[in-house]
C-alpha cells in the first residue's frame, strides 16, 4: 500500500505507528502529541495517511480544533474527510506549523469555510536552564508559588483577562464559566506558577500541553498595573528551570507581533524553531 494513497480513520492497529511518527516529529508538534496522548475516543477523531504500519501523516480533531501533522510532506492528497467533519462537528480552529495550516485553509475554503481570524506565531524551544540573573528579577517582595484550588477566586480574574487578551479571536464570545473551568483544571494539574505581591496574585504561567519528552508552556499573564517590572521574566525563568530539572524540554509559541515577549524568551535561551499559525473559523 502506498503511504500517500488515502486518508482513513485511525484503527487500533495503527496506534503504535501513529505514536512512532509523533515521537519522531515531536519538537514541531508538542501540542499535537499532547492531544494524541490525552485523546478521548468519544470526543476526538484521528485520521492517518496510509496504514498497515506505513503512516506518513496524521490529522487530529480534538474538541473543536483541527491539528495537522504532515511532517513537511509535499505530496499530500486532499483530506476529503474534512467535509464529513463539518457535517458532524463544529470546527473553530486549525492550528499547527504554518505551511501545513495553509494547506488545510485551502481545503476549508474549497468546502465553503472562510477564516474569520488568522494569527501567526514563532514556535520557540529550549532545553537549557535560563541564566541565573533572570531568576532574581522582579520587584522586591515578589513571591512565586504553586497555587491551590483555594486560590481560585484570586487567580480566575487573571485567567479571564489572559483569555480575552491572548486567546479569544476577534468577534468571538467569551465565557466566564468556561474560563473558570479552564483555570480550575490547570490548578488541579499542578503545573502552574503564580506571582504574588503584597498579598495579591499579579501573574501566572502554566503548562498547556505535555508530549513525550517536552512541556509546552503558555497562559503567561501579568496584570497591566505590574508590567515592565520584570515579573514575567522571573515567572518564566523559574517555571522553565523547574520543568527542565524534571528532564523535559520546553516549547512555546508567541505572537510574532509581540516584540517584548519574543525578546523575553530569547533572553531566557529560547530559539525559534518554526512558524506556527492558528486560523479561526
Protein backbone atom coordinates (compact mmCIF):
# COMPACT_ATOMS: atom_id res chain seq x y z
CA UNK A 1 0.00 0.00 0.00
CA UNK A 2 1.45 3.39 -0.97
CA UNK A 3 1.63 5.60 2.10
CA UNK A 4 0.40 8.57 0.05
CA UNK A 5 -2.65 6.79 -1.31
CA UNK A 6 -5.50 7.68 1.04
CA UNK A 7 -6.65 9.03 4.39
CA UNK A 8 -8.54 6.79 6.78
CA UNK A 9 -9.83 6.97 10.32
CA UNK A 10 -7.22 5.52 12.66
CA UNK A 11 -7.57 1.87 13.64
CA UNK A 12 -6.40 0.12 16.78
CA UNK A 13 -3.50 -1.50 14.96
CA UNK A 14 -2.39 1.92 13.67
CA UNK A 15 -1.93 3.44 17.14
CA UNK A 16 1.68 2.29 17.75
CA UNK A 17 2.73 3.50 14.30
CA UNK A 18 0.99 6.85 14.79
CA UNK A 19 2.76 7.24 18.13
CA UNK A 20 6.08 6.39 16.49
CA UNK A 21 5.52 9.09 13.85
CA UNK A 22 4.62 11.66 16.51
CA UNK A 23 7.64 10.78 18.65
CA UNK A 24 9.94 11.31 15.70
CA UNK A 25 8.40 14.69 14.89
CA UNK A 26 7.72 15.77 18.48
CA UNK A 27 9.71 19.01 18.52
CA UNK A 28 7.45 20.61 15.91
CA UNK A 29 4.22 19.07 17.20
CA UNK A 30 4.20 19.18 21.00
CA UNK A 31 0.57 20.33 21.10
CA UNK A 32 -0.49 17.62 18.67
CA UNK A 33 1.38 14.98 20.66
CA UNK A 34 -0.35 16.19 23.82
CA UNK A 35 -3.77 15.95 22.18
CA UNK A 36 -2.93 12.45 20.92
CA UNK A 37 -1.81 11.24 24.36
CA UNK A 38 -4.84 12.72 26.14
CA UNK A 39 -7.38 11.78 23.46
CA UNK A 40 -10.89 10.75 24.35
CA UNK A 41 -12.28 8.30 21.75
CA UNK A 42 -15.85 9.53 22.28
CA UNK A 43 -14.83 13.12 21.55
CA UNK A 44 -11.70 13.13 19.40
CA UNK A 45 -11.08 11.87 15.87
CA UNK A 46 -7.75 10.92 14.32
CA UNK A 47 -7.11 10.35 10.63
CA UNK A 48 -3.95 8.84 9.17
CA UNK A 49 -2.41 8.91 5.74
CA UNK A 50 -1.58 5.32 4.94
CA UNK A 51 -1.80 2.36 7.25
CA UNK A 52 -0.55 -1.16 7.85
CA UNK A 53 2.49 0.21 9.63
CA UNK A 54 3.22 2.80 6.94
CA UNK A 55 1.82 6.10 8.26
CA UNK A 56 3.24 9.31 6.84
CA UNK A 57 0.85 11.98 8.20
CA UNK A 58 -1.87 12.49 10.80
CA UNK A 59 -4.74 14.91 11.30
CA UNK A 60 -6.21 15.21 14.79
CA UNK A 61 -9.63 16.67 15.56
CA UNK A 62 -9.71 17.41 19.28
CA UNK A 63 -12.65 19.32 20.74
CA UNK A 64 -13.20 21.98 18.07
CA UNK A 65 -9.63 22.18 16.75
CA UNK A 66 -8.10 20.51 13.71
CA UNK A 67 -4.36 19.86 14.06
CA UNK A 68 -2.41 18.65 11.01
CA UNK A 69 0.82 16.68 11.43
CA UNK A 70 2.00 16.49 7.83
CA UNK A 71 5.74 16.26 8.58
CA UNK A 72 6.61 18.62 5.70
CA UNK A 73 5.38 16.09 3.13
CA UNK A 74 4.90 17.78 -0.21
CA UNK A 75 2.55 15.33 -1.95
CA UNK A 76 -0.35 15.10 0.48
CA UNK A 77 -3.66 14.06 -1.08
CA UNK A 78 -6.70 16.18 -0.33
CA UNK A 79 -8.26 15.42 3.08
CA UNK A 80 -11.71 14.59 1.77
CA UNK A 81 -12.83 13.63 5.27
CA UNK A 82 -12.97 17.30 6.28
CA UNK A 83 -16.39 17.68 4.68
CA UNK A 84 -17.58 14.84 6.90
CA UNK A 85 -16.23 16.63 9.96
CA UNK A 86 -18.28 19.68 9.08
CA UNK A 87 -21.49 17.66 8.88
CA UNK A 88 -20.92 16.22 12.35
CA UNK A 89 -18.87 18.73 14.33
CA UNK A 90 -18.12 22.40 14.64
CA UNK A 91 -14.57 23.35 13.67
CA UNK A 92 -13.46 26.57 15.35
CA UNK A 93 -9.76 26.48 14.51
CA UNK A 94 -6.96 24.89 12.53
CA UNK A 95 -3.60 25.10 14.27
CA UNK A 96 -0.06 23.91 13.73
CA UNK A 97 3.00 24.51 11.57
CA UNK A 98 2.21 27.47 9.33
CA UNK A 99 2.68 25.84 5.92
CA UNK A 100 0.56 22.87 6.98
CA UNK A 101 -2.20 25.09 8.32
CA UNK A 102 -2.19 26.98 5.00
CA UNK A 103 -2.74 23.65 3.24
CA UNK A 104 -5.74 22.97 5.48
CA UNK A 105 -7.02 26.53 4.97
CA UNK A 106 -7.13 25.87 1.23
CA UNK A 107 -9.17 22.73 1.83
CA UNK A 108 -11.53 24.54 4.19
CA UNK A 109 -12.13 27.23 1.55
CA UNK A 110 -12.81 24.53 -1.02
CA UNK A 111 -15.67 23.21 1.10
CA UNK A 112 -17.06 26.65 1.80
CA UNK A 113 -15.41 27.70 5.07
CA UNK A 114 -13.57 31.02 5.19
CA UNK A 115 -11.33 32.09 8.06
CA UNK A 116 -12.53 34.77 10.47
CA UNK A 117 -9.11 35.43 12.01
CA UNK A 118 -5.51 34.31 11.42
CA UNK A 119 -2.70 34.68 13.98
CA UNK A 120 0.95 33.86 13.27
CA UNK A 121 3.45 32.87 15.95
CA UNK A 122 7.07 31.92 16.48
CA UNK A 123 7.39 28.34 17.72
CA UNK A 124 10.25 28.54 20.23
CA UNK A 125 12.09 25.95 22.30
CA UNK A 126 14.83 25.45 24.87
CA UNK A 127 16.47 22.53 26.64
CA UNK A 128 18.79 24.63 28.80
CA UNK A 129 18.40 26.29 32.18
CA UNK A 130 17.94 30.08 31.99
CA UNK A 131 20.75 32.40 33.06
CA UNK A 132 20.96 32.81 36.82
CA UNK A 133 20.36 36.57 36.71
CA UNK A 134 16.87 36.02 35.27
CA UNK A 135 15.93 34.12 38.44
CA UNK A 136 16.23 37.24 40.58
CA UNK A 137 14.34 39.83 38.56
CA UNK A 138 11.10 41.47 39.61
CA UNK A 139 10.06 43.87 42.39
CA UNK A 140 11.19 43.38 45.96
CA UNK A 141 8.89 41.07 47.89
CA UNK A 142 7.70 39.15 44.80
CA UNK A 143 6.64 35.66 45.84
CA UNK A 144 6.31 32.75 43.40
CA UNK A 145 4.45 29.60 44.35
CA UNK A 146 2.19 26.84 43.04
CA UNK A 147 -1.41 27.94 43.64
CA UNK A 148 -4.07 25.61 45.03
CA UNK A 149 -7.78 25.42 44.36
CA UNK A 150 -8.43 27.60 47.41
CA UNK A 151 -6.74 30.41 45.43
CA UNK A 152 -9.22 30.13 42.56
CA UNK A 153 -11.05 33.39 43.30
CA UNK A 154 -7.79 35.36 43.18
CA UNK A 155 -6.37 33.75 40.05
CA UNK A 156 -9.53 33.30 37.95
CA UNK A 157 -9.65 37.02 37.00
CA UNK A 158 -6.11 36.75 35.62
CA UNK A 159 -7.08 33.72 33.54
CA UNK A 160 -10.12 35.55 32.20
CA UNK A 161 -8.03 38.60 31.30
CA UNK A 162 -5.41 36.37 29.63
CA UNK A 163 -8.03 34.61 27.52
CA UNK A 164 -9.62 37.90 26.45
CA UNK A 165 -6.25 39.42 25.55
CA UNK A 166 -4.40 36.46 24.06
CA UNK A 167 -6.76 33.60 23.21
CA UNK A 168 -10.26 34.66 22.19
CA UNK A 169 -10.25 35.67 18.49
CA UNK A 170 -11.86 38.91 17.40
CA UNK A 171 -15.65 38.72 17.27
CA UNK A 172 -15.85 35.61 19.45
CA UNK A 173 -17.86 35.18 22.65
CA UNK A 174 -16.03 34.98 25.98
CA UNK A 175 -17.48 32.55 28.52
CA UNK A 176 -16.62 33.37 32.16
CA UNK A 177 -17.84 29.91 33.22
CA UNK A 178 -15.63 28.12 30.68
CA UNK A 179 -12.66 30.27 31.69
CA UNK A 180 -13.14 29.33 35.34
CA UNK A 181 -13.30 25.65 34.40
CA UNK A 182 -10.06 26.08 32.42
CA UNK A 183 -8.12 27.57 35.31
CA UNK A 184 -9.61 25.06 37.77
CA UNK A 185 -8.32 22.20 35.61
CA UNK A 186 -4.93 23.87 35.24
CA UNK A 187 -4.55 24.31 39.00
CA UNK A 188 -5.70 20.72 39.60
CA UNK A 189 -2.99 19.54 37.19
CA UNK A 190 -0.31 21.18 39.34
CA UNK A 191 1.82 22.60 36.51
CA UNK A 192 1.26 26.29 37.20
CA UNK A 193 3.16 29.09 38.91
CA UNK A 194 1.61 32.23 40.39
CA UNK A 195 3.29 35.53 41.23
CA UNK A 196 2.12 37.31 44.38
CA UNK A 197 2.99 40.79 45.60
CA UNK A 198 1.71 42.23 48.88
CA UNK A 199 -0.96 39.54 49.16
CA UNK A 200 -2.28 39.96 45.62
CA UNK A 201 -1.79 37.46 42.77
CA UNK A 202 -0.47 39.59 39.90
CA UNK A 203 0.74 37.00 37.39
CA UNK A 204 0.59 33.39 36.25
CA UNK A 205 2.22 30.90 33.90
CA UNK A 206 1.31 27.26 33.27
CA UNK A 207 1.88 24.14 31.19
CA UNK A 208 -0.60 23.96 28.33
CA UNK A 209 0.41 20.61 26.79
CA UNK A 210 2.53 17.58 27.69
CA UNK A 211 4.09 15.42 24.99
CA UNK A 212 6.52 12.51 25.23
CA UNK A 213 9.62 14.42 26.34
CA UNK A 214 8.54 18.08 26.31
CA UNK A 215 6.27 20.53 28.05
CA UNK A 216 4.50 23.31 26.18
CA UNK A 217 4.10 26.38 28.36
CA UNK A 218 1.55 29.13 27.96
CA UNK A 219 -1.01 31.14 29.87
CA UNK A 220 1.63 33.76 30.65
CA UNK A 221 -0.07 36.84 32.03
CA UNK A 222 0.86 39.77 34.27
CA UNK A 223 -1.69 42.29 35.50
CA UNK A 224 -1.26 45.52 33.47
CA UNK A 225 -0.50 47.54 36.63
CA UNK A 226 2.64 45.45 37.24
CA UNK A 227 4.08 45.11 33.76
CA UNK A 228 7.55 46.34 32.88
CA UNK A 229 8.93 45.40 36.31
CA UNK A 230 10.45 42.00 35.50
CA UNK A 231 7.57 39.88 36.79
CA UNK A 232 7.09 37.91 33.56
CA UNK A 233 10.84 37.31 33.26
CA UNK A 234 11.03 36.00 36.81
CA UNK A 235 7.99 33.74 36.40
CA UNK A 236 9.16 32.36 33.05
CA UNK A 237 12.72 31.79 34.29
CA UNK A 238 11.74 29.97 37.48
CA UNK A 239 8.99 27.95 35.83
CA UNK A 240 11.20 26.94 32.91
CA UNK A 241 14.03 25.99 35.25
CA UNK A 242 11.77 23.81 37.40
CA UNK A 243 10.42 21.95 34.36
CA UNK A 244 13.83 21.41 32.78
CA UNK A 245 15.06 19.96 36.06
CA UNK A 246 12.42 17.26 35.57
CA UNK A 247 14.34 16.22 32.45
CA UNK A 248 11.86 17.71 29.96
CA UNK A 249 12.43 20.13 27.09
CA UNK A 250 10.30 23.26 26.82
CA UNK A 251 8.31 24.57 23.85
CA UNK A 252 6.06 27.59 23.47
CA UNK A 253 4.60 29.78 20.77
CA UNK A 254 4.45 33.56 20.91
CA UNK A 255 2.70 36.03 18.62
CA UNK A 256 5.05 37.45 16.01
CA UNK A 257 3.84 40.97 16.74
CA UNK A 258 4.58 40.62 20.48
CA UNK A 259 8.11 42.01 20.34
CA UNK A 260 8.51 42.29 24.12
CA UNK A 261 7.58 38.64 24.72
CA UNK A 262 9.83 37.42 21.92
CA UNK A 263 12.76 39.34 23.41
CA UNK A 264 11.96 37.97 26.86
CA UNK A 265 12.00 34.35 25.73
CA UNK A 266 15.17 34.90 23.69
CA UNK A 267 16.83 36.26 26.83
CA UNK A 268 15.88 33.04 28.62
CA UNK A 269 17.59 30.91 25.97
CA UNK A 270 14.62 30.09 23.73
CA UNK A 271 15.32 29.91 20.00
CA UNK A 272 12.86 29.99 17.11
CA UNK A 273 12.27 26.55 15.64
CA UNK A 274 9.42 27.10 13.20
CA UNK A 275 6.49 29.27 12.13
CA UNK A 276 3.21 28.44 13.84
CA UNK A 277 -0.31 29.53 12.93
CA UNK A 278 -3.83 29.38 14.36
CA UNK A 279 -6.65 30.03 11.91
CA UNK A 280 -10.09 30.62 13.40
CA UNK A 281 -13.49 29.90 11.86
